[in-house]
C-alpha atoms as a PDB file:
ATOM      1  CA  UNK A   1    -120.930 250.148  38.240  1.00  0.00           C
ATOM      2  CA  UNK A   2    -123.680 250.673  40.747  1.00  0.00           C
ATOM      3  CA  UNK A   3    -125.858 253.971  40.545  1.00  0.00           C
ATOM      4  CA  UNK A   4    -125.833 256.590  43.241  1.00  0.00           C
ATOM      5  CA  UNK A   5    -129.188 256.647  45.093  1.00  0.00           C
ATOM      6  CA  UNK A   6    -130.855 259.852  45.587  1.00  0.00           C
ATOM      7  CA  UNK A   7    -131.460 260.785  49.104  1.00  0.00           C
ATOM      8  CA  UNK A   8    -134.967 262.088  50.444  1.00  0.00           C
ATOM      9  CA  UNK A   9    -134.010 265.613  50.890  1.00  0.00           C
ATOM     10  CA  UNK A  10    -136.258 267.900  53.174  1.00  0.00           C
ATOM     11  CA  UNK A  11    -134.788 271.094  51.705  1.00  0.00           C
ATOM     12  CA  UNK A  12    -135.889 272.513  48.470  1.00  0.00           C
ATOM     13  CA  UNK A  13    -134.783 275.446  45.979  1.00  0.00           C
ATOM     14  CA  UNK A  14    -135.734 278.728  47.581  1.00  0.00           C
ATOM     15  CA  UNK A  15    -136.119 277.483  51.024  1.00  0.00           C
ATOM     16  CA  UNK A  16    -134.656 279.481  53.720  1.00  0.00           C
ATOM     17  CA  UNK A  17    -131.758 277.507  55.715  1.00  0.00           C
ATOM     18  CA  UNK A  18    -129.316 277.790  58.468  1.00  0.00           C
ATOM     19  CA  UNK A  19    -125.856 276.266  58.937  1.00  0.00           C
ATOM     20  CA  UNK A  20    -125.654 274.124  61.855  1.00  0.00           C
ATOM     21  CA  UNK A  21    -122.079 272.899  61.726  1.00  0.00           C
ATOM     22  CA  UNK A  22    -118.895 273.855  60.039  1.00  0.00           C
ATOM     23  CA  UNK A  23    -116.979 276.715  59.028  1.00  0.00           C
ATOM     24  CA  UNK A  24    -120.134 278.808  58.382  1.00  0.00           C
ATOM     25  CA  UNK A  25    -122.086 277.887  61.458  1.00  0.00           C
ATOM     26  CA  UNK A  26    -124.799 280.122  62.210  1.00  0.00           C
ATOM     27  CA  UNK A  27    -125.133 281.783  58.619  1.00  0.00           C
ATOM     28  CA  UNK A  28    -128.529 282.000  56.868  1.00  0.00           C
ATOM     29  CA  UNK A  29    -129.144 282.036  53.164  1.00  0.00           C
ATOM     30  CA  UNK A  30    -131.522 280.518  50.410  1.00  0.00           C
ATOM     31  CA  UNK A  31    -130.947 277.434  48.599  1.00  0.00           C
ATOM     32  CA  UNK A  32    -129.825 277.979  45.267  1.00  0.00           C
ATOM     33  CA  UNK A  33    -129.746 274.564  43.782  1.00  0.00           C
ATOM     34  CA  UNK A  34    -130.407 271.089  45.605  1.00  0.00           C
ATOM     35  CA  UNK A  35    -128.643 267.717  44.272  1.00  0.00           C
ATOM     36  CA  UNK A  36    -130.329 264.712  45.978  1.00  0.00           C
ATOM     37  CA  UNK A  37    -128.266 262.161  44.398  1.00  0.00           C
ATOM     38  CA  UNK A  38    -124.901 263.661  45.938  1.00  0.00           C
ATOM     39  CA  UNK A  39    -126.639 264.928  49.171  1.00  0.00           C
ATOM     40  CA  UNK A  40    -125.619 268.632  48.735  1.00  0.00           C
ATOM     41  CA  UNK A  41    -126.866 272.390  48.551  1.00  0.00           C
ATOM     42  CA  UNK A  42    -125.640 275.194  47.253  1.00  0.00           C
ATOM     43  CA  UNK A  43    -126.580 278.285  49.849  1.00  0.00           C
ATOM     44  CA  UNK A  44    -126.698 281.929  49.099  1.00  0.00           C
ATOM     45  CA  UNK A  45    -123.527 283.769  50.319  1.00  0.00           C
ATOM     46  CA  UNK A  46    -122.259 280.302  52.435  1.00  0.00           C
ATOM     47  CA  UNK A  47    -119.343 278.223  51.943  1.00  0.00           C
ATOM     48  CA  UNK A  48    -117.732 280.494  49.470  1.00  0.00           C
ATOM     49  CA  UNK A  49    -115.064 279.583  47.153  1.00  0.00           C
ATOM     50  CA  UNK A  50    -112.374 281.443  45.292  1.00  0.00           C
ATOM     51  CA  UNK A  51    -111.950 280.167  41.502  1.00  0.00           C
ATOM     52  CA  UNK A  52    -109.596 281.578  38.855  1.00  0.00           C
ATOM     53  CA  UNK A  53    -111.338 282.342  35.782  1.00  0.00           C
ATOM     54  CA  UNK A  54    -109.512 282.757  32.570  1.00  0.00           C
ATOM     55  CA  UNK A  55    -110.249 286.044  30.384  1.00  0.00           C
ATOM     56  CA  UNK A  56    -113.360 285.430  28.155  1.00  0.00           C
ATOM     57  CA  UNK A  57    -114.503 288.115  25.645  1.00  0.00           C
ATOM     58  CA  UNK A  58    -118.185 287.594  26.515  1.00  0.00           C
ATOM     59  CA  UNK A  59    -118.359 286.767  29.942  1.00  0.00           C
ATOM     60  CA  UNK A  60    -115.512 287.957  31.899  1.00  0.00           C
ATOM     61  CA  UNK A  61    -113.440 290.056  29.725  1.00  0.00           C
ATOM     62  CA  UNK A  62    -111.030 290.689  32.547  1.00  0.00           C
ATOM     63  CA  UNK A  63    -110.736 287.476  33.794  1.00  0.00           C
ATOM     64  CA  UNK A  64    -108.982 286.877  37.708  1.00  0.00           C
ATOM     65  CA  UNK A  65    -110.372 285.651  40.737  1.00  0.00           C
ATOM     66  CA  UNK A  66    -114.036 285.282  41.413  1.00  0.00           C
ATOM     67  CA  UNK A  67    -116.011 284.517  44.446  1.00  0.00           C
ATOM     68  CA  UNK A  68    -119.003 281.410  44.441  1.00  0.00           C
ATOM     69  CA  UNK A  69    -121.053 279.674  46.536  1.00  0.00           C
ATOM     70  CA  UNK A  70    -119.830 275.789  46.346  1.00  0.00           C
ATOM     71  CA  UNK A  71    -122.100 272.871  47.705  1.00  0.00           C
ATOM     72  CA  UNK A  72    -122.655 272.134  51.053  1.00  0.00           C
ATOM     73  CA  UNK A  73    -123.404 268.929  52.785  1.00  0.00           C
ATOM     74  CA  UNK A  74    -127.285 268.767  53.610  1.00  0.00           C
ATOM     75  CA  UNK A  75    -126.824 267.492  56.867  1.00  0.00           C
ATOM     76  CA  UNK A  76    -125.441 270.480  58.046  1.00  0.00           C
ATOM     77  CA  UNK A  77    -128.279 272.485  57.240  1.00  0.00           C
ATOM     78  CA  UNK A  78    -131.534 273.039  58.959  1.00  0.00           C
ATOM     79  CA  UNK A  79    -134.913 274.296  57.355  1.00  0.00           C
ATOM     80  CA  UNK A  80    -135.950 277.988  58.798  1.00  0.00           C
ATOM     81  CA  UNK A  81    -139.756 277.889  59.115  1.00  0.00           C
ATOM     82  CA  UNK A  82    -141.340 280.604  57.469  1.00  0.00           C
ATOM     83  CA  UNK A  83    -144.003 281.304  60.379  1.00  0.00           C
ATOM     84  CA  UNK A  84    -141.583 280.945  63.486  1.00  0.00           C
ATOM     85  CA  UNK A  85    -138.436 281.837  61.872  1.00  0.00           C
ATOM     86  CA  UNK A  86    -136.471 279.137  63.879  1.00  0.00           C
ATOM     87  CA  UNK A  87    -134.520 276.383  62.310  1.00  0.00           C
ATOM     88  CA  UNK A  88    -136.393 273.032  62.735  1.00  0.00           C
ATOM     89  CA  UNK A  89    -136.637 269.310  61.798  1.00  0.00           C
ATOM     90  CA  UNK A  90    -139.023 268.697  59.038  1.00  0.00           C
ATOM     91  CA  UNK A  91    -142.051 266.559  59.618  1.00  0.00           C
ATOM     92  CA  UNK A  92    -143.984 264.939  56.814  1.00  0.00           C
ATOM     93  CA  UNK A  93    -148.112 264.796  57.095  1.00  0.00           C
ATOM     94  CA  UNK A  94    -150.385 263.619  54.556  1.00  0.00           C
ATOM     95  CA  UNK A  95    -153.637 265.228  53.391  1.00  0.00           C
ATOM     96  CA  UNK A  96    -157.025 263.755  52.474  1.00  0.00           C
ATOM     97  CA  UNK A  97    -155.684 262.764  48.885  1.00  0.00           C
ATOM     98  CA  UNK A  98    -152.589 260.996  50.150  1.00  0.00           C
ATOM     99  CA  UNK A  99    -150.416 263.836  49.200  1.00  0.00           C
ATOM    100  CA  UNK A 100    -147.476 264.250  51.584  1.00  0.00           C
ATOM    101  CA  UNK A 101    -146.537 267.878  52.463  1.00  0.00           C
ATOM    102  CA  UNK A 102    -143.544 269.420  54.676  1.00  0.00           C
ATOM    103  CA  UNK A 103    -144.465 270.596  58.289  1.00  0.00           C
ATOM    104  CA  UNK A 104    -142.664 272.457  60.871  1.00  0.00           C
ATOM    105  CA  UNK A 105    -141.475 270.409  63.597  1.00  0.00           C
ATOM    106  CA  UNK A 106    -141.946 273.302  66.080  1.00  0.00           C
ATOM    107  CA  UNK A 107    -144.603 275.206  65.406  1.00  0.00           C
ATOM    108  CA  UNK A 108    -146.774 272.924  63.193  1.00  0.00           C
ATOM    109  CA  UNK A 109    -147.319 275.052  60.250  1.00  0.00           C
ATOM    110  CA  UNK A 110    -147.226 273.591  56.895  1.00  0.00           C
ATOM    111  CA  UNK A 111    -144.590 274.710  54.923  1.00  0.00           C
ATOM    112  CA  UNK A 112    -145.130 274.211  51.254  1.00  0.00           C
ATOM    113  CA  UNK A 113    -149.357 274.179  51.738  1.00  0.00           C
END
């Protein structure tokens, strides 16, 4: 069986992202987790799914239905630039040591220093 390849992700944990297509189009939130192998991102308060939970004396003594964010395809998200606060394509640039860093496609600001 062939192993799944990790795709190049322009979004990292902690980034602010905006949904550009789908049911939650226009919503903005923080990326809670990123999975490069599946190409999916979990975003705070976006793509909320309802889950039935059994009663558990330690975590949830009552049980019932809870809402939690479900993963969303990374291609449906755009990174929001911290400086210009607009959804943007991510450009790559290399510094003097050859280290690659992310750059805003609209204002040119370095996103991760």
